[in-house]
Amino acid sequence: MGVYTTMPESEINLDGSEEIIETQFGPIKVIIYGDKNGGLPLVTFHDIGMNSDMNFNNFFTFLTPSKLMKRFCVYNINAPGQEFGASKLASDFTFPTMEGLASIVDDVVTHFGLKSFIGLGSGAGTNVLMRYATKHPSIVDALVLINPISQKAGWIEWFYQKVSDSSGLVLEDRPAEVVQAFLLFIQGQGLCCDLDIHKIVSSLKGEMQSINKPNNRILTMEKVDEFNN
């Protein structure tokens, strides 16, 4: 584990900065908070069909940002085409598998020259970070896994069929509605038992209304069944 300094509060970057990183799967956006030169690196990877803002903003807002950023530099990785304002992925684009997403983490680590880091993953992002840690154990100091997924998600076909049967949503014709239904479904799997579900649903719907490239989200959803490949 590396040795890192504590940054004075007056110098902390709370607004964040963005960098576009070239990877073997094309450019991806990394959003950075904190001091890249002194803070302990914290690398995040988001869940299926989401992005780093949707997945982790509430978490970091709950904490006291200045105290967090005094000790950490947060690198929020977005999977290809998942960030807000992303262009529509090309029709012939092959979305990376879980192994491919783990290689994107490696590209980011290499780009920023990280010697070690703590990983924070949610849902499918936990699977990505676990795959990376398995291949690079000396670089990963620790993993924080929220709702970890380590097995093949056999209920994905059931969900598509259920949505189609009950509400008439067709993936090809109404992708935005299918994405919203899927995310509300997956966010309800044991994560919200102690919270106000009505506020969560309202918040999620508001965020999902801003998704202007639902087909990009669908590409990530279709990788759920490849977790064990």
Protein backbone atom coordinates (compact mmCIF):
# COMPACT_ATOMS: atom_id res chain seq x y z
CA MET A 1 0.00 0.00 0.00
CA GLY A 2 1.31 3.43 -0.93
CA VAL A 3 1.96 6.39 1.35
CA TYR A 4 -0.42 9.32 0.82
CA THR A 5 -0.73 12.82 2.23
CA THR A 6 -3.67 14.69 3.74
CA MET A 7 -4.76 17.62 1.58
CA PRO A 8 -5.63 21.03 3.13
CA GLU A 9 -9.38 21.69 2.90
CA SER A 10 -8.79 24.99 1.11
CA GLU A 11 -7.22 23.10 -1.81
CA ILE A 12 -9.79 20.31 -2.16
CA ASN A 13 -11.51 19.92 -5.54
CA LEU A 14 -15.20 19.32 -4.71
CA ASP A 15 -16.51 20.12 -8.19
CA GLY A 16 -14.69 17.30 -9.92
CA SER A 17 -12.91 17.16 -13.24
CA GLU A 18 -13.42 14.95 -16.27
CA GLU A 19 -10.94 13.12 -18.45
CA ILE A 20 -11.57 11.11 -21.59
CA ILE A 21 -9.42 7.98 -21.53
CA GLU A 22 -8.69 5.95 -24.64
CA THR A 23 -9.20 2.22 -24.08
CA GLN A 24 -9.26 -0.84 -26.29
CA PHE A 25 -13.06 -0.39 -26.41
CA GLY A 26 -12.89 3.26 -27.37
CA PRO A 27 -12.97 6.43 -25.27
CA ILE A 28 -14.57 6.40 -21.82
CA LYS A 29 -15.17 9.20 -19.34
CA VAL A 30 -13.59 9.23 -15.87
CA ILE A 31 -14.83 11.80 -13.35
CA ILE A 32 -12.25 12.70 -10.70
CA TYR A 33 -12.67 14.25 -7.26
CA GLY A 34 -9.77 15.14 -4.99
CA ASP A 35 -6.01 15.47 -5.32
CA LYS A 36 -4.46 13.16 -7.91
CA ASN A 37 -1.01 13.85 -6.51
CA GLY A 38 -1.63 13.00 -2.87
CA GLY A 39 -4.96 11.36 -2.14
CA LEU A 40 -5.41 7.62 -1.66
CA PRO A 41 -6.94 6.40 -4.95
CA LEU A 42 -10.54 5.18 -4.75
CA VAL A 43 -11.76 3.65 -8.03
CA THR A 44 -15.50 3.16 -8.57
CA PHE A 45 -17.46 1.13 -11.11
CA HIS A 46 -21.22 1.50 -11.47
CA ASP A 47 -24.07 -0.99 -11.87
CA ILE A 48 -25.86 -2.18 -15.01
CA GLY A 49 -27.54 0.50 -17.08
CA MET A 50 -26.40 3.30 -14.80
CA ASN A 51 -23.43 5.64 -14.69
CA SER A 52 -21.15 6.96 -11.98
CA ASP A 53 -23.35 9.99 -11.28
CA MET A 54 -26.55 7.97 -10.91
CA ASN A 55 -24.91 5.28 -8.84
CA PHE A 56 -22.59 7.10 -6.45
CA ASN A 57 -23.67 10.75 -6.13
CA ASN A 58 -26.03 10.06 -3.23
CA PHE A 59 -23.34 8.03 -1.47
CA PHE A 60 -20.73 10.75 -1.69
CA THR A 61 -23.27 13.48 -0.87
CA PHE A 62 -24.21 11.65 2.33
CA LEU A 63 -20.59 11.84 3.44
CA THR A 64 -18.89 15.13 4.22
CA PRO A 65 -17.18 15.80 0.87
CA SER A 66 -14.34 17.90 2.24
CA LYS A 67 -13.39 15.27 4.82
CA LEU A 68 -13.55 12.49 2.24
CA MET A 69 -11.47 14.35 -0.31
CA LYS A 70 -8.82 15.25 2.27
CA ARG A 71 -7.66 11.65 2.17
CA PHE A 72 -8.95 10.21 -1.10
CA CYS A 73 -8.86 10.90 -4.79
CA VAL A 74 -11.96 9.35 -6.35
CA TYR A 75 -11.87 8.02 -9.92
CA ASN A 76 -15.42 7.34 -11.15
CA ILE A 77 -15.23 5.13 -14.23
CA ASN A 78 -18.11 5.16 -16.72
CA ALA A 79 -18.61 2.18 -19.00
CA PRO A 80 -18.65 3.03 -22.74
CA GLY A 81 -21.56 5.28 -23.68
CA GLN A 82 -23.10 5.38 -20.20
CA GLU A 83 -22.24 8.90 -19.00
CA PHE A 84 -24.77 11.73 -19.22
CA GLY A 85 -24.60 13.39 -22.62
CA ALA A 86 -22.96 10.39 -24.30
CA SER A 87 -23.30 9.97 -28.04
CA LYS A 88 -25.25 6.98 -29.28
CA LEU A 89 -22.96 3.98 -29.68
CA ALA A 90 -22.49 2.81 -33.25
CA SER A 91 -24.86 0.11 -34.44
CA ASP A 92 -21.93 -2.26 -34.97
CA PHE A 93 -20.35 -1.52 -31.57
CA THR A 94 -19.69 -4.68 -29.55
CA PHE A 95 -20.16 -3.86 -25.89
CA PRO A 96 -17.39 -5.34 -23.72
CA THR A 97 -18.01 -8.41 -21.60
CA MET A 98 -17.32 -8.35 -17.87
CA GLU A 99 -13.71 -9.31 -18.67
CA GLY A 100 -13.60 -6.47 -21.17
CA LEU A 101 -14.85 -4.00 -18.59
CA ALA A 102 -12.16 -5.25 -16.20
CA SER A 103 -9.59 -4.48 -18.90
CA ILE A 104 -11.00 -0.94 -19.07
CA VAL A 105 -10.23 -0.62 -15.35
CA ASP A 106 -6.68 -1.69 -16.17
CA ASP A 107 -6.45 0.96 -18.89
CA VAL A 108 -7.58 3.63 -16.41
CA VAL A 109 -5.14 2.44 -13.74
CA THR A 110 -2.31 2.51 -16.28
CA HIS A 111 -3.29 5.93 -17.63
CA PHE A 112 -3.21 7.56 -14.20
CA GLY A 113 -0.20 5.57 -13.01
CA LEU A 114 -1.98 4.20 -9.94
CA LYS A 115 0.28 1.94 -7.89
CA SER A 116 -2.58 0.75 -5.68
CA PHE A 117 -6.19 1.64 -4.96
CA ILE A 118 -9.36 0.78 -3.05
CA GLY A 119 -12.21 -0.34 -5.30
CA LEU A 120 -15.87 0.58 -4.77
CA GLY A 121 -18.36 -1.30 -6.93
CA SER A 122 -22.13 -1.61 -7.12
CA GLY A 123 -24.03 -4.54 -8.66
CA ALA A 124 -22.35 -5.50 -11.92
CA GLY A 125 -19.53 -3.11 -11.06
CA THR A 126 -18.57 -5.42 -8.19
CA ASN A 127 -18.09 -8.23 -10.68
CA VAL A 128 -15.87 -6.04 -12.84
CA LEU A 129 -13.67 -5.01 -9.91
CA MET A 130 -13.45 -8.59 -8.57
CA ARG A 131 -12.24 -9.76 -11.97
CA TYR A 132 -9.62 -7.01 -12.02
CA ALA A 133 -8.50 -7.80 -8.45
CA THR A 134 -8.12 -11.49 -9.30
CA LYS A 135 -5.65 -10.60 -12.05
CA HIS A 136 -3.91 -7.76 -10.18
CA PRO A 137 -4.01 -8.61 -6.46
CA SER A 138 -0.94 -6.53 -5.65
CA ILE A 139 -2.62 -3.34 -6.91
CA VAL A 140 -5.97 -3.66 -5.12
CA ASP A 141 -5.67 -2.78 -1.42
CA ALA A 142 -9.33 -3.51 -0.66
CA LEU A 143 -12.75 -3.86 -2.29
CA VAL A 144 -16.02 -2.38 -1.07
CA LEU A 145 -18.81 -4.34 -2.78
CA ILE A 146 -22.42 -3.12 -2.74
CA ASN A 147 -24.99 -5.77 -3.72
CA PRO A 148 -22.24 -7.98 -5.24
CA ILE A 149 -23.00 -10.16 -8.24
CA SER A 150 -20.78 -13.19 -8.74
CA GLN A 151 -23.12 -15.63 -10.47
CA LYS A 152 -24.93 -15.70 -13.76
CA ALA A 153 -28.15 -13.72 -13.53
CA GLY A 154 -30.65 -16.29 -14.79
CA TRP A 155 -33.65 -14.04 -14.16
CA ILE A 156 -32.83 -11.61 -16.96
CA GLU A 157 -34.93 -13.40 -19.58
CA TRP A 158 -37.73 -13.69 -17.03
CA PHE A 159 -37.67 -9.93 -16.55
CA TYR A 160 -37.83 -9.16 -20.26
CA GLN A 161 -40.72 -11.58 -20.67
CA LYS A 162 -42.51 -10.21 -17.60
CA VAL A 163 -42.25 -6.63 -18.81
CA SER A 164 -43.43 -7.59 -22.27
CA ASP A 165 -46.39 -9.61 -20.99
CA SER A 166 -47.58 -7.18 -18.34
CA SER A 167 -47.05 -3.78 -19.90
CA GLY A 168 -46.57 -4.33 -23.60
CA LEU A 169 -43.12 -2.75 -23.62
CA VAL A 170 -41.09 -3.93 -26.56
CA LEU A 171 -37.32 -3.58 -26.33
CA GLU A 172 -36.87 -2.54 -29.95
CA ASP A 173 -39.80 -0.11 -30.03
CA ARG A 174 -39.69 1.47 -26.56
CA PRO A 175 -36.15 1.10 -25.21
CA ALA A 176 -36.38 4.03 -22.77
CA GLU A 177 -39.38 2.54 -20.97
CA VAL A 178 -37.75 -0.89 -20.79
CA VAL A 179 -34.59 0.63 -19.30
CA GLN A 180 -36.64 2.47 -16.68
CA ALA A 181 -38.60 -0.66 -15.77
CA PHE A 182 -35.43 -2.73 -15.54
CA LEU A 183 -33.58 -0.28 -13.33
CA LEU A 184 -36.53 0.09 -10.96
CA PHE A 185 -36.70 -3.69 -10.82
CA ILE A 186 -33.02 -4.25 -10.09
CA GLN A 187 -32.83 -1.38 -7.57
CA GLY A 188 -35.52 -3.13 -5.54
CA GLN A 189 -33.49 -6.29 -4.91
CA GLY A 190 -32.86 -5.89 -1.19
CA LEU A 191 -31.07 -2.53 -1.30
CA CYS A 192 -33.83 -0.26 -0.08
CA CYS A 193 -35.42 -2.06 2.86
CA ASP A 194 -34.52 0.65 5.40
CA LEU A 195 -35.09 3.64 3.14
CA ASP A 196 -38.09 5.58 1.84
CA ILE A 197 -38.90 3.57 -1.28
CA HIS A 198 -41.21 6.29 -2.64
CA LYS A 199 -38.43 8.86 -2.55
CA ILE A 200 -36.03 6.39 -4.15
CA VAL A 201 -38.44 5.53 -6.96
CA SER A 202 -39.15 9.23 -7.56
CA SER A 203 -35.43 10.00 -7.65
CA LEU A 204 -34.66 7.11 -9.98
CA LYS A 205 -37.46 8.06 -12.35
CA GLY A 206 -36.18 11.62 -12.47
CA GLU A 207 -32.67 10.45 -13.29
CA MET A 208 -33.89 7.97 -15.88
CA GLN A 209 -35.99 10.61 -17.64
CA SER A 210 -32.68 12.33 -18.43
CA ILE A 211 -31.35 9.28 -20.26
CA ASN A 212 -31.35 10.29 -23.91
CA LYS A 213 -29.51 7.25 -25.26
CA PRO A 214 -31.46 4.27 -23.86
CA ASN A 215 -29.96 1.90 -26.43
CA ASN A 216 -26.55 2.47 -24.83
CA ARG A 217 -28.02 1.32 -21.51
CA ILE A 218 -29.58 -1.74 -23.13
CA LEU A 219 -26.17 -2.88 -24.36
CA THR A 220 -24.99 -3.12 -20.75
CA MET A 221 -28.17 -4.90 -19.68
CA GLU A 222 -27.63 -7.56 -22.33
CA LYS A 223 -24.27 -8.42 -20.73
CA VAL A 224 -25.87 -9.56 -17.47
CA ASP A 225 -26.06 -13.16 -18.68
CA GLU A 226 -22.32 -13.20 -19.43
CA PHE A 227 -21.07 -12.78 -15.84
CA ASN A 228 -19.64 -16.31 -15.75
CA ASN A 229 -18.11 -16.28 -19.22
